[in-house]
Amino acid sequence: MNITKWLYGGIMACTFAMQAGGAAGATPAGKVIEVVTFKLKPGVTAAQFKLVDQEVEVQHVSKQPGFVSRESAAGENGEWLVIVHWRSAADADASMASFEKAPAAAKFMSSLDAPTMRMQRFGK
């Protein structure tokens, strides 16, 4: 199986799990905060990833309808955090669905250690 398709499958599974579980009090029309944590693949440096991360933000995520803001940061233990604010759950869902087709997304996903990735969605 193609690793990129496997990674996208994992993201989509996380998305469906978030939709099924949802955040307490979250509404489809409410403001949404997505929180993603992960580690980088062995051999991918923080400096390399920062460029890829910026690329996916500028070329894809920030151009999606309903995008409010995005930030990312590295933790002390090699873990990374990405927080994305969306106008609505529908906007977040649409962005996730388009992510697979984005060229910058393939570079982003190929930098991650997929089993360490965790995605959560919170309603505001």
PDB file of N, CA and C in Angstrom:
ATOM      1  N   MET A   1       0.852  -1.184   0.000  1.00  0.00           N
ATOM      2  CA  MET A   1       0.000   0.000   0.000  1.00  0.00           C
ATOM      3  C   MET A   1       0.892   1.239   0.000  1.00  0.00           C
ATOM      4  N   ASN A   2       0.525   2.204  -0.772  1.00  0.00           N
ATOM      5  CA  ASN A   2       1.246   3.469  -0.856  1.00  0.00           C
ATOM      6  C   ASN A   2       1.198   4.161   0.506  1.00  0.00           C
ATOM      7  N   ILE A   3       2.364   4.569   1.016  1.00  0.00           N
ATOM      8  CA  ILE A   3       2.445   5.169   2.362  1.00  0.00           C
ATOM      9  C   ILE A   3       1.630   6.453   2.455  1.00  0.00           C
ATOM     10  N   THR A   4       1.605   7.240   1.376  1.00  0.00           N
ATOM     11  CA  THR A   4       0.838   8.479   1.400  1.00  0.00           C
ATOM     12  C   THR A   4      -0.648   8.178   1.570  1.00  0.00           C
ATOM     13  N   LYS A   5      -1.154   7.179   0.832  1.00  0.00           N
ATOM     14  CA  LYS A   5      -2.570   6.809   0.971  1.00  0.00           C
ATOM     15  C   LYS A   5      -2.841   6.282   2.373  1.00  0.00           C
ATOM     16  N   TRP A   6      -1.895   5.544   2.940  1.00  0.00           N
ATOM     17  CA  TRP A   6      -2.063   5.020   4.297  1.00  0.00           C
ATOM     18  C   TRP A   6      -2.158   6.164   5.300  1.00  0.00           C
ATOM     19  N   LEU A   7      -1.272   7.169   5.138  1.00  0.00           N
ATOM     20  CA  LEU A   7      -1.294   8.312   6.048  1.00  0.00           C
ATOM     21  C   LEU A   7      -2.591   9.101   5.910  1.00  0.00           C
ATOM     22  N   TYR A   8      -3.026   9.340   4.664  1.00  0.00           N
ATOM     23  CA  TYR A   8      -4.281  10.058   4.461  1.00  0.00           C
ATOM     24  C   TYR A   8      -5.447   9.282   5.058  1.00  0.00           C
ATOM     25  N   GLY A   9      -5.390   7.959   4.920  1.00  0.00           N
ATOM     26  CA  GLY A   9      -6.432   7.119   5.513  1.00  0.00           C
ATOM     27  C   GLY A   9      -6.486   7.319   7.015  1.00  0.00           C
ATOM     28  N   GLY A  10      -5.311   7.427   7.642  1.00  0.00           N
ATOM     29  CA  GLY A  10      -5.253   7.669   9.084  1.00  0.00           C
ATOM     30  C   GLY A  10      -5.853   9.009   9.456  1.00  0.00           C
ATOM     31  N   ILE A  11      -5.575  10.021   8.660  1.00  0.00           N
ATOM     32  CA  ILE A  11      -6.143  11.347   8.919  1.00  0.00           C
ATOM     33  C   ILE A  11      -7.655  11.299   8.782  1.00  0.00           C
ATOM     34  N   MET A  12      -8.127  10.663   7.736  1.00  0.00           N
ATOM     35  CA  MET A  12      -9.567  10.592   7.531  1.00  0.00           C
ATOM     36  C   MET A  12     -10.228   9.799   8.660  1.00  0.00           C
ATOM     37  N   ALA A  13      -9.583   8.737   9.115  1.00  0.00           N
ATOM     38  CA  ALA A  13     -10.134   7.969  10.237  1.00  0.00           C
ATOM     39  C   ALA A  13     -10.224   8.841  11.483  1.00  0.00           C
ATOM     40  N   CYS A  14      -9.195   9.657  11.711  1.00  0.00           N
ATOM     41  CA  CYS A  14      -9.226  10.584  12.850  1.00  0.00           C
ATOM     42  C   CYS A  14     -10.372  11.572  12.694  1.00  0.00           C
ATOM     43  N   THR A  15     -10.577  12.049  11.471  1.00  0.00           N
ATOM     44  CA  THR A  15     -11.652  12.996  11.217  1.00  0.00           C
ATOM     45  C   THR A  15     -13.002  12.376  11.526  1.00  0.00           C
ATOM     46  N   PHE A  16     -13.229  11.159  11.030  1.00  0.00           N
ATOM     47  CA  PHE A  16     -14.510  10.501  11.285  1.00  0.00           C
ATOM     48  C   PHE A  16     -14.685  10.218  12.770  1.00  0.00           C
ATOM     49  N   ALA A  17     -13.616   9.860  13.460  1.00  0.00           N
ATOM     50  CA  ALA A  17     -13.705   9.616  14.900  1.00  0.00           C
ATOM     51  C   ALA A  17     -14.062  10.898  15.624  1.00  0.00           C
ATOM     52  N   MET A  18     -13.486  12.020  15.188  1.00  0.00           N
ATOM     53  CA  MET A  18     -13.793  13.295  15.828  1.00  0.00           C
ATOM     54  C   MET A  18     -15.240  13.677  15.589  1.00  0.00           C
ATOM     55  N   GLN A  19     -15.737  13.426  14.366  1.00  0.00           N
ATOM     56  CA  GLN A  19     -17.111  13.763  14.068  1.00  0.00           C
ATOM     57  C   GLN A  19     -18.057  12.909  14.891  1.00  0.00           C
ATOM     58  N   ALA A  20     -17.726  11.649  15.049  1.00  0.00           N
ATOM     59  CA  ALA A  20     -18.585  10.739  15.802  1.00  0.00           C
ATOM     60  C   ALA A  20     -18.585  11.095  17.287  1.00  0.00           C
ATOM     61  N   GLY A  21     -17.395  11.375  17.821  1.00  0.00           N
ATOM     62  CA  GLY A  21     -17.290  11.680  19.242  1.00  0.00           C
ATOM     63  C   GLY A  21     -17.630  13.118  19.529  1.00  0.00           C
ATOM     64  N   GLY A  22     -17.099  14.019  18.706  1.00  0.00           N
ATOM     65  CA  GLY A  22     -17.360  15.446  18.859  1.00  0.00           C
ATOM     66  C   GLY A  22     -16.926  15.980  20.205  1.00  0.00           C
ATOM     67  N   ALA A  23     -16.840  17.261  20.312  1.00  0.00           N
ATOM     68  CA  ALA A  23     -16.522  17.907  21.581  1.00  0.00           C
ATOM     69  C   ALA A  23     -17.827  18.235  22.282  1.00  0.00           C
ATOM     70  N   ALA A  24     -17.816  18.142  23.582  1.00  0.00           N
ATOM     71  CA  ALA A  24     -19.019  18.458  24.348  1.00  0.00           C
ATOM     72  C   ALA A  24     -19.433  19.884  24.047  1.00  0.00           C
ATOM     73  N   GLY A  25     -20.679  20.052  23.680  1.00  0.00           N
ATOM     74  CA  GLY A  25     -21.194  21.384  23.409  1.00  0.00           C
ATOM     75  C   GLY A  25     -20.866  21.897  22.018  1.00  0.00           C
ATOM     76  N   ALA A  26     -20.116  21.166  21.227  1.00  0.00           N
ATOM     77  CA  ALA A  26     -19.773  21.627  19.888  1.00  0.00           C
ATOM     78  C   ALA A  26     -20.993  21.530  18.990  1.00  0.00           C
ATOM     79  N   THR A  27     -21.149  22.509  18.133  1.00  0.00           N
ATOM     80  CA  THR A  27     -22.226  22.475  17.167  1.00  0.00           C
ATOM     81  C   THR A  27     -21.624  22.546  15.785  1.00  0.00           C
ATOM     82  N   PRO A  28     -22.308  22.000  14.774  1.00  0.00           N
ATOM     83  CA  PRO A  28     -21.765  22.045  13.419  1.00  0.00           C
ATOM     84  C   PRO A  28     -21.470  23.459  12.950  1.00  0.00           C
ATOM     85  N   ALA A  29     -22.207  24.442  13.437  1.00  0.00           N
ATOM     86  CA  ALA A  29     -21.993  25.815  12.995  1.00  0.00           C
ATOM     87  C   ALA A  29     -21.050  26.582  13.919  1.00  0.00           C
ATOM     88  N   GLY A  30     -20.589  25.972  15.011  1.00  0.00           N
ATOM     89  CA  GLY A  30     -19.766  26.674  15.986  1.00  0.00           C
ATOM     90  C   GLY A  30     -18.317  26.786  15.570  1.00  0.00           C
ATOM     91  N   LYS A  31     -17.564  27.571  16.303  1.00  0.00           N
ATOM     92  CA  LYS A  31     -16.134  27.707  16.061  1.00  0.00           C
ATOM     93  C   LYS A  31     -15.433  26.419  16.472  1.00  0.00           C
ATOM     94  N   VAL A  32     -14.403  26.055  15.725  1.00  0.00           N
ATOM     95  CA  VAL A  32     -13.721  24.784  15.935  1.00  0.00           C
ATOM     96  C   VAL A  32     -12.222  25.003  16.094  1.00  0.00           C
ATOM     97  N   ILE A  33     -11.643  24.274  17.039  1.00  0.00           N
ATOM     98  CA  ILE A  33     -10.194  24.260  17.220  1.00  0.00           C
ATOM     99  C   ILE A  33      -9.727  22.833  16.999  1.00  0.00           C
ATOM    100  N   GLU A  34      -8.826  22.642  16.043  1.00  0.00           N
ATOM    101  CA  GLU A  34      -8.218  21.332  15.803  1.00  0.00           C
ATOM    102  C   GLU A  34      -6.830  21.325  16.420  1.00  0.00           C
ATOM    103  N   VAL A  35      -6.531  20.259  17.134  1.00  0.00           N
ATOM    104  CA  VAL A  35      -5.236  20.106  17.789  1.00  0.00           C
ATOM    105  C   VAL A  35      -4.622  18.795  17.291  1.00  0.00           C
ATOM    106  N   VAL A  36      -3.425  18.897  16.727  1.00  0.00           N
ATOM    107  CA  VAL A  36      -2.736  17.724  16.208  1.00  0.00           C
ATOM    108  C   VAL A  36      -1.366  17.640  16.879  1.00  0.00           C
ATOM    109  N   THR A  37      -1.026  16.459  17.381  1.00  0.00           N
ATOM    110  CA  THR A  37       0.309  16.222  17.922  1.00  0.00           C
ATOM    111  C   THR A  37       0.926  15.048  17.181  1.00  0.00           C
ATOM    112  N   PHE A  38       2.244  15.067  17.056  1.00  0.00           N
ATOM    113  CA  PHE A  38       2.960  14.014  16.337  1.00  0.00           C
ATOM    114  C   PHE A  38       4.447  14.177  16.564  1.00  0.00           C
ATOM    115  N   LYS A  39       5.192  13.162  16.156  1.00  0.00           N
ATOM    116  CA  LYS A  39       6.648  13.237  16.113  1.00  0.00           C
ATOM    117  C   LYS A  39       7.069  13.127  14.653  1.00  0.00           C
ATOM    118  N   LEU A  40       8.257  13.596  14.376  1.00  0.00           N
ATOM    119  CA  LEU A  40       8.791  13.522  13.021  1.00  0.00           C
ATOM    120  C   LEU A  40       9.405  12.155  12.770  1.00  0.00           C
ATOM    121  N   LYS A  41       9.457  11.786  11.504  1.00  0.00           N
ATOM    122  CA  LYS A  41      10.129  10.543  11.132  1.00  0.00           C
ATOM    123  C   LYS A  41      11.610  10.667  11.476  1.00  0.00           C
ATOM    124  N   PRO A  42      12.243   9.553  11.807  1.00  0.00           N
ATOM    125  CA  PRO A  42      13.694   9.588  12.026  1.00  0.00           C
ATOM    126  C   PRO A  42      14.391  10.155  10.780  1.00  0.00           C
ATOM    127  N   GLY A  43      15.334  11.040  11.010  1.00  0.00           N
ATOM    128  CA  GLY A  43      16.077  11.643   9.906  1.00  0.00           C
ATOM    129  C   GLY A  43      15.526  12.978   9.438  1.00  0.00           C
ATOM    130  N   VAL A  44      14.304  13.328   9.835  1.00  0.00           N
ATOM    131  CA  VAL A  44      13.730  14.631   9.485  1.00  0.00           C
ATOM    132  C   VAL A  44      14.067  15.593  10.615  1.00  0.00           C
ATOM    133  N   THR A  45      14.809  16.629  10.294  1.00  0.00           N
ATOM    134  CA  THR A  45      15.216  17.586  11.320  1.00  0.00           C
ATOM    135  C   THR A  45      14.126  18.635  11.547  1.00  0.00           C
ATOM    136  N   ALA A  46      14.193  19.276  12.693  1.00  0.00           N
ATOM    137  CA  ALA A  46      13.244  20.347  13.010  1.00  0.00           C
ATOM    138  C   ALA A  46      13.345  21.467  11.980  1.00  0.00           C
ATOM    139  N   ALA A  47      14.552  21.797  11.570  1.00  0.00           N
ATOM    140  CA  ALA A  47      14.745  22.860  10.575  1.00  0.00           C
ATOM    141  C   ALA A  47      14.098  22.488   9.245  1.00  0.00           C
ATOM    142  N   GLN A  48      14.253  21.243   8.823  1.00  0.00           N
ATOM    143  CA  GLN A  48      13.624  20.794   7.582  1.00  0.00           C
ATOM    144  C   GLN A  48      12.105  20.850   7.704  1.00  0.00           C
ATOM    145  N   PHE A  49      11.603  20.377   8.834  1.00  0.00           N
ATOM    146  CA  PHE A  49      10.159  20.321   9.001  1.00  0.00           C
ATOM    147  C   PHE A  49       9.542  21.713   9.082  1.00  0.00           C
ATOM    148  N   LYS A  50      10.219  22.654   9.690  1.00  0.00           N
ATOM    149  CA  LYS A  50       9.670  24.010   9.785  1.00  0.00           C
ATOM    150  C   LYS A  50       9.368  24.567   8.401  1.00  0.00           C
ATOM    151  N   LEU A  51      10.229  24.282   7.430  1.00  0.00           N
ATOM    152  CA  LEU A  51       9.998  24.745   6.061  1.00  0.00           C
ATOM    153  C   LEU A  51       8.777  24.057   5.446  1.00  0.00           C
ATOM    154  N   VAL A  52       8.673  22.754   5.652  1.00  0.00           N
ATOM    155  CA  VAL A  52       7.538  21.981   5.127  1.00  0.00           C
ATOM    156  C   VAL A  52       6.240  22.440   5.800  1.00  0.00           C
ATOM    157  N   ASP A  53       6.293  22.672   7.095  1.00  0.00           N
ATOM    158  CA  ASP A  53       5.125  23.118   7.848  1.00  0.00           C
ATOM    159  C   ASP A  53       4.641  24.474   7.348  1.00  0.00           C
ATOM    160  N   GLN A  54       5.563  25.380   7.132  1.00  0.00           N
ATOM    161  CA  GLN A  54       5.212  26.711   6.613  1.00  0.00           C
ATOM    162  C   GLN A  54       4.608  26.586   5.215  1.00  0.00           C
ATOM    163  N   GLU A  55       5.165  25.711   4.413  1.00  0.00           N
ATOM    164  CA  GLU A  55       4.677  25.492   3.054  1.00  0.00           C
ATOM    165  C   GLU A  55       3.223  25.006   3.059  1.00  0.00           C
ATOM    166  N   VAL A  56       2.908  24.041   3.903  1.00  0.00           N
ATOM    167  CA  VAL A  56       1.534  23.511   3.934  1.00  0.00           C
ATOM    168  C   VAL A  56       0.565  24.570   4.437  1.00  0.00           C
ATOM    169  N   GLU A  57       1.006  25.419   5.337  1.00  0.00           N
ATOM    170  CA  GLU A  57       0.144  26.498   5.818  1.00  0.00           C
ATOM    171  C   GLU A  57      -0.118  27.522   4.724  1.00  0.00           C
ATOM    172  N   VAL A  58       0.931  27.990   4.076  1.00  0.00           N
ATOM    173  CA  VAL A  58       0.805  29.050   3.074  1.00  0.00           C
ATOM    174  C   VAL A  58       0.114  28.552   1.804  1.00  0.00           C
ATOM    175  N   GLN A  59       0.489  27.354   1.355  1.00  0.00           N
ATOM    176  CA  GLN A  59      -0.021  26.862   0.070  1.00  0.00           C
ATOM    177  C   GLN A  59      -1.386  26.193   0.159  1.00  0.00           C
ATOM    178  N   HIS A  60      -1.765  25.721   1.347  1.00  0.00           N
ATOM    179  CA  HIS A  60      -3.044  25.019   1.413  1.00  0.00           C
ATOM    180  C   HIS A  60      -3.951  25.492   2.555  1.00  0.00           C
ATOM    181  N   VAL A  61      -3.542  25.243   3.788  1.00  0.00           N
ATOM    182  CA  VAL A  61      -4.453  25.429   4.925  1.00  0.00           C
ATOM    183  C   VAL A  61      -5.010  26.852   4.993  1.00  0.00           C
ATOM    184  N   SER A  62      -4.161  27.856   4.889  1.00  0.00           N
ATOM    185  CA  SER A  62      -4.619  29.242   5.037  1.00  0.00           C
ATOM    186  C   SER A  62      -5.530  29.701   3.905  1.00  0.00           C
ATOM    187  N   LYS A  63      -5.558  28.963   2.813  1.00  0.00           N
ATOM    188  CA  LYS A  63      -6.396  29.325   1.670  1.00  0.00           C
ATOM    189  C   LYS A  63      -7.781  28.676   1.726  1.00  0.00           C
ATOM    190  N   GLN A  64      -8.033  27.857   2.728  1.00  0.00           N
ATOM    191  CA  GLN A  64      -9.303  27.140   2.822  1.00  0.00           C
ATOM    192  C   GLN A  64     -10.402  28.038   3.391  1.00  0.00           C
ATOM    193  N   PRO A  65     -11.620  27.896   2.853  1.00  0.00           N
ATOM    194  CA  PRO A  65     -12.739  28.670   3.396  1.00  0.00           C
ATOM    195  C   PRO A  65     -12.917  28.377   4.892  1.00  0.00           C
ATOM    196  N   GLY A  66     -13.146  29.416   5.658  1.00  0.00           N
ATOM    197  CA  GLY A  66     -13.370  29.251   7.082  1.00  0.00           C
ATOM    198  C   GLY A  66     -12.113  29.217   7.926  1.00  0.00           C
ATOM    199  N   PHE A  67     -10.943  29.303   7.294  1.00  0.00           N
ATOM    200  CA  PHE A  67      -9.683  29.318   8.049  1.00  0.00           C
ATOM    201  C   PHE A  67      -9.615  30.597   8.873  1.00  0.00           C
ATOM    202  N   VAL A  68      -9.230  30.459  10.144  1.00  0.00           N
ATOM    203  CA  VAL A  68      -9.073  31.617  11.025  1.00  0.00           C
ATOM    204  C   VAL A  68      -7.594  31.831  11.345  1.00  0.00           C
ATOM    205  N   SER A  69      -6.936  30.802  11.881  1.00  0.00           N
ATOM    206  CA  SER A  69      -5.516  30.929  12.217  1.00  0.00           C
ATOM    207  C   SER A  69      -4.904  29.547  12.411  1.00  0.00           C
ATOM    208  N   ARG A  70      -3.577  29.506  12.398  1.00  0.00           N
ATOM    209  CA  ARG A  70      -2.846  28.254  12.582  1.00  0.00           C
ATOM    210  C   ARG A  70      -1.512  28.573  13.235  1.00  0.00           C
ATOM    211  N   GLU A  71      -1.109  27.705  14.148  1.00  0.00           N
ATOM    212  CA  GLU A  71       0.220  27.840  14.744  1.00  0.00           C
ATOM    213  C   GLU A  71       0.782  26.452  14.997  1.00  0.00           C
ATOM    214  N   SER A  72       2.098  26.368  15.008  1.00  0.00           N
ATOM    215  CA  SER A  72       2.757  25.093  15.301  1.00  0.00           C
ATOM    216  C   SER A  72       3.968  25.363  16.177  1.00  0.00           C
ATOM    217  N   ALA A  73       4.345  24.325  16.925  1.00  0.00           N
ATOM    218  CA  ALA A  73       5.474  24.468  17.842  1.00  0.00           C
ATOM    219  C   ALA A  73       6.069  23.098  18.128  1.00  0.00           C
ATOM    220  N   ALA A  74       7.362  23.107  18.424  1.00  0.00           N
ATOM    221  CA  ALA A  74       8.067  21.884  18.797  1.00  0.00           C
ATOM    222  C   ALA A  74       8.149  21.793  20.317  1.00  0.00           C
ATOM    223  N   GLY A  75       7.967  20.578  20.834  1.00  0.00           N
ATOM    224  CA  GLY A  75       8.082  20.349  22.268  1.00  0.00           C
ATOM    225  C   GLY A  75       9.468  19.844  22.625  1.00  0.00           C
ATOM    226  N   GLU A  76       9.733  19.753  23.903  1.00  0.00           N
ATOM    227  CA  GLU A  76      11.045  19.322  24.388  1.00  0.00           C
ATOM    228  C   GLU A  76      11.346  17.866  24.064  1.00  0.00           C
ATOM    229  N   ASN A  77      10.324  17.025  23.974  1.00  0.00           N
ATOM    230  CA  ASN A  77      10.544  15.593  23.768  1.00  0.00           C
ATOM    231  C   ASN A  77      10.489  15.178  22.296  1.00  0.00           C
ATOM    232  N   GLY A  78      10.592  16.141  21.392  1.00  0.00           N
ATOM    233  CA  GLY A  78      10.539  15.836  19.965  1.00  0.00           C
ATOM    234  C   GLY A  78       9.132  15.810  19.411  1.00  0.00           C
ATOM    235  N   GLU A  79       8.146  16.076  20.263  1.00  0.00           N
ATOM    236  CA  GLU A  79       6.759  16.100  19.808  1.00  0.00           C
ATOM    237  C   GLU A  79       6.438  17.476  19.238  1.00  0.00           C
ATOM    238  N   TRP A  80       5.580  17.492  18.241  1.00  0.00           N
ATOM    239  CA  TRP A  80       5.131  18.730  17.609  1.00  0.00           C
ATOM    240  C   TRP A  80       3.650  18.926  17.874  1.00  0.00           C
ATOM    241  N   LEU A  81       3.240  20.167  17.861  1.00  0.00           N
ATOM    242  CA  LEU A  81       1.859  20.557  18.090  1.00  0.00           C
ATOM    243  C   LEU A  81       1.443  21.503  16.963  1.00  0.00           C
ATOM    244  N   VAL A  82       0.273  21.236  16.389  1.00  0.00           N
ATOM    245  CA  VAL A  82      -0.314  22.149  15.408  1.00  0.00           C
ATOM    246  C   VAL A  82      -1.730  22.443  15.875  1.00  0.00           C
ATOM    247  N   ILE A  83      -2.062  23.725  15.938  1.00  0.00           N
ATOM    248  CA  ILE A  83      -3.398  24.156  16.331  1.00  0.00           C
ATOM    249  C   ILE A  83      -3.970  24.984  15.185  1.00  0.00           C
ATOM    250  N   VAL A  84      -5.172  24.588  14.740  1.00  0.00           N
ATOM    251  CA  VAL A  84      -5.841  25.307  13.650  1.00  0.00           C
ATOM    252  C   VAL A  84      -7.225  25.721  14.137  1.00  0.00           C
ATOM    253  N   HIS A  85      -7.551  26.982  13.927  1.00  0.00           N
ATOM    254  CA  HIS A  85      -8.866  27.522  14.271  1.00  0.00           C
ATOM    255  C   HIS A  85      -9.680  27.652  12.982  1.00  0.00           C
ATOM    256  N   TRP A  86     -10.913  27.139  13.035  1.00  0.00           N
ATOM    257  CA  TRP A  86     -11.833  27.188  11.896  1.00  0.00           C
ATOM    258  C   TRP A  86     -13.104  27.912  12.296  1.00  0.00           C
ATOM    259  N   ARG A  87     -13.759  28.497  11.339  1.00  0.00           N
ATOM    260  CA  ARG A  87     -15.029  29.184  11.572  1.00  0.00           C
ATOM    261  C   ARG A  87     -16.118  28.184  11.948  1.00  0.00           C
ATOM    262  N   SER A  88     -16.060  26.958  11.359  1.00  0.00           N
ATOM    263  CA  SER A  88     -17.095  25.962  11.639  1.00  0.00           C
ATOM    264  C   SER A  88     -16.551  24.552  11.419  1.00  0.00           C
ATOM    265  N   ALA A  89     -17.279  23.577  11.930  1.00  0.00           N
ATOM    266  CA  ALA A  89     -16.921  22.179  11.708  1.00  0.00           C
ATOM    267  C   ALA A  89     -17.002  21.833  10.230  1.00  0.00           C
ATOM    268  N   ALA A  90     -17.973  22.396   9.533  1.00  0.00           N
ATOM    269  CA  ALA A  90     -18.096  22.144   8.092  1.00  0.00           C
ATOM    270  C   ALA A  90     -16.859  22.644   7.349  1.00  0.00           C
ATOM    271  N   ASP A  91     -16.342  23.795   7.737  1.00  0.00           N
ATOM    272  CA  ASP A  91     -15.120  24.318   7.111  1.00  0.00           C
ATOM    273  C   ASP A  91     -13.931  23.408   7.410  1.00  0.00           C
ATOM    274  N   ALA A  92     -13.826  22.943   8.640  1.00  0.00           N
ATOM    275  CA  ALA A  92     -12.735  22.040   9.012  1.00  0.00           C
ATOM    276  C   ALA A  92     -12.838  20.733   8.232  1.00  0.00           C
ATOM    277  N   ASP A  93     -14.044  20.211   8.092  1.00  0.00           N
ATOM    278  CA  ASP A  93     -14.259  18.975   7.329  1.00  0.00           C
ATOM    279  C   ASP A  93     -13.871  19.157   5.863  1.00  0.00           C
ATOM    280  N   ALA A  94     -14.275  20.273   5.277  1.00  0.00           N
ATOM    281  CA  ALA A  94     -13.966  20.536   3.871  1.00  0.00           C
ATOM    282  C   ALA A  94     -12.463  20.651   3.655  1.00  0.00           C
ATOM    283  N   SER A  95     -11.781  21.287   4.575  1.00  0.00           N
ATOM    284  CA  SER A  95     -10.331  21.405   4.460  1.00  0.00           C
ATOM    285  C   SER A  95      -9.673  20.035   4.531  1.00  0.00           C
ATOM    286  N   MET A  96     -10.126  19.202   5.453  1.00  0.00           N
ATOM    287  CA  MET A  96      -9.568  17.867   5.601  1.00  0.00           C
ATOM    288  C   MET A  96      -9.780  17.049   4.326  1.00  0.00           C
ATOM    289  N   ALA A  97     -10.951  17.185   3.739  1.00  0.00           N
ATOM    290  CA  ALA A  97     -11.253  16.441   2.519  1.00  0.00           C
ATOM    291  C   ALA A  97     -10.373  16.886   1.357  1.00  0.00           C
ATOM    292  N   SER A  98      -9.996  18.160   1.323  1.00  0.00           N
ATOM    293  CA  SER A  98      -9.156  18.665   0.228  1.00  0.00           C
ATOM    294  C   SER A  98      -7.664  18.455   0.485  1.00  0.00           C
ATOM    295  N   PHE A  99      -7.327  18.106   1.715  1.00  0.00           N
ATOM    296  CA  PHE A  99      -5.922  17.978   2.109  1.00  0.00           C
ATOM    297  C   PHE A  99      -5.185  16.931   1.270  1.00  0.00           C
ATOM    298  N   GLU A 100      -5.855  15.829   0.975  1.00  0.00           N
ATOM    299  CA  GLU A 100      -5.234  14.727   0.229  1.00  0.00           C
ATOM    300  C   GLU A 100      -4.725  15.174  -1.143  1.00  0.00           C
ATOM    301  N   LYS A 101      -5.389  16.137  -1.746  1.00  0.00           N
ATOM    302  CA  LYS A 101      -5.036  16.576  -3.096  1.00  0.00           C
ATOM    303  C   LYS A 101      -3.973  17.675  -3.117  1.00  0.00           C
ATOM    304  N   ALA A 102      -3.649  18.216  -1.961  1.00  0.00           N
ATOM    305  CA  ALA A 102      -2.714  19.343  -1.899  1.00  0.00           C
ATOM    306  C   ALA A 102      -1.265  18.857  -1.998  1.00  0.00           C
ATOM    307  N   PRO A 103      -0.496  19.365  -2.970  1.00  0.00           N
ATOM    308  CA  PRO A 103       0.907  18.948  -3.100  1.00  0.00           C
ATOM    309  C   PRO A 103       1.729  19.178  -1.828  1.00  0.00           C
ATOM    310  N   ALA A 104       1.521  20.288  -1.149  1.00  0.00           N
ATOM    311  CA  ALA A 104       2.275  20.570   0.078  1.00  0.00           C
ATOM    312  C   ALA A 104       1.913  19.579   1.176  1.00  0.00           C
ATOM    313  N   ALA A 105       0.698  19.054   1.152  1.00  0.00           N
ATOM    314  CA  ALA A 105       0.265  18.104   2.169  1.00  0.00           C
ATOM    315  C   ALA A 105       1.046  16.799   2.083  1.00  0.00           C
ATOM    316  N   ALA A 106       1.378  16.378   0.872  1.00  0.00           N
ATOM    317  CA  ALA A 106       2.137  15.129   0.715  1.00  0.00           C
ATOM    318  C   ALA A 106       3.506  15.252   1.378  1.00  0.00           C
ATOM    319  N   LYS A 107       4.163  16.378   1.204  1.00  0.00           N
ATOM    320  CA  LYS A 107       5.457  16.603   1.854  1.00  0.00           C
ATOM    321  C   LYS A 107       5.310  16.639   3.370  1.00  0.00           C
ATOM    322  N   PHE A 108       4.251  17.290   3.828  1.00  0.00           N
ATOM    323  CA  PHE A 108       3.991  17.401   5.261  1.00  0.00           C
ATOM    324  C   PHE A 108       3.791  16.010   5.859  1.00  0.00           C
ATOM    325  N   MET A 109       2.891  15.243   5.266  1.00  0.00           N
ATOM    326  CA  MET A 109       2.564  13.921   5.798  1.00  0.00           C
ATOM    327  C   MET A 109       3.746  12.958   5.712  1.00  0.00           C
ATOM    328  N   SER A 110       4.571  13.084   4.687  1.00  0.00           N
ATOM    329  CA  SER A 110       5.718  12.179   4.560  1.00  0.00           C
ATOM    330  C   SER A 110       6.811  12.502   5.573  1.00  0.00           C
ATOM    331  N   SER A 111       6.702  13.630   6.265  1.00  0.00           N
ATOM    332  CA  SER A 111       7.666  14.003   7.304  1.00  0.00           C
ATOM    333  C   SER A 111       7.282  13.467   8.680  1.00  0.00           C
ATOM    334  N   LEU A 112       6.036  13.035   8.841  1.00  0.00           N
ATOM    335  CA  LEU A 112       5.520  12.609  10.143  1.00  0.00           C
ATOM    336  C   LEU A 112       5.726  11.125  10.394  1.00  0.00           C
ATOM    337  N   ASP A 113       5.893  10.796  11.655  1.00  0.00           N
ATOM    338  CA  ASP A 113       5.877   9.403  12.105  1.00  0.00           C
ATOM    339  C   ASP A 113       4.411   9.090  12.378  1.00  0.00           C
ATOM    340  N   ALA A 114       3.740   8.509  11.388  1.00  0.00           N
ATOM    341  CA  ALA A 114       2.279   8.340  11.410  1.00  0.00           C
ATOM    342  C   ALA A 114       1.718   7.721  12.690  1.00  0.00           C
ATOM    343  N   PRO A 115       2.336   6.665  13.249  1.00  0.00           N
ATOM    344  CA  PRO A 115       1.749   6.079  14.457  1.00  0.00           C
ATOM    345  C   PRO A 115       1.709   7.031  15.670  1.00  0.00           C
ATOM    346  N   THR A 116       2.494   8.104  15.634  1.00  0.00           N
ATOM    347  CA  THR A 116       2.511   9.040  16.772  1.00  0.00           C
ATOM    348  C   THR A 116       1.485  10.155  16.618  1.00  0.00           C
ATOM    349  N   MET A 117       0.829  10.224  15.469  1.00  0.00           N
ATOM    350  CA  MET A 117      -0.095  11.317  15.194  1.00  0.00           C
ATOM    351  C   MET A 117      -1.410  11.139  15.946  1.00  0.00           C
ATOM    352  N   ARG A 118      -1.829  12.231  16.575  1.00  0.00           N
ATOM    353  CA  ARG A 118      -3.116  12.256  17.278  1.00  0.00           C
ATOM    354  C   ARG A 118      -3.817  13.559  16.925  1.00  0.00           C
ATOM    355  N   MET A 119      -5.055  13.467  16.505  1.00  0.00           N
ATOM    356  CA  MET A 119      -5.817  14.644  16.118  1.00  0.00           C
ATOM    357  C   MET A 119      -7.098  14.708  16.951  1.00  0.00           C
ATOM    358  N   GLN A 120      -7.387  15.907  17.461  1.00  0.00           N
ATOM    359  CA  GLN A 120      -8.593  16.130  18.236  1.00  0.00           C
ATOM    360  C   GLN A 120      -9.272  17.400  17.752  1.00  0.00           C
ATOM    361  N   ARG A 121     -10.571  17.452  17.946  1.00  0.00           N
ATOM    362  CA  ARG A 121     -11.331  18.639  17.560  1.00  0.00           C
ATOM    363  C   ARG A 121     -12.145  19.085  18.775  1.00  0.00           C
ATOM    364  N   PHE A 122     -12.151  20.395  19.003  1.00  0.00           N
ATOM    365  CA  PHE A 122     -12.861  20.979  20.130  1.00  0.00           C
ATOM    366  C   PHE A 122     -13.790  22.078  19.634  1.00  0.00           C
ATOM    367  N   GLY A 123     -14.984  22.161  20.220  1.00  0.00           N
ATOM    368  CA  GLY A 123     -15.924  23.236  19.900  1.00  0.00           C
ATOM    369  C   GLY A 123     -15.742  24.389  20.856  1.00  0.00           C
ATOM    370  N   LYS A 124     -15.929  25.558  20.347  1.00  0.00           N
ATOM    371  CA  LYS A 124     -15.747  26.761  21.167  1.00  0.00           C
ATOM    372  C   LYS A 124     -17.070  27.476  21.341  1.00  0.00           C
TER     373      LYS A 124
END
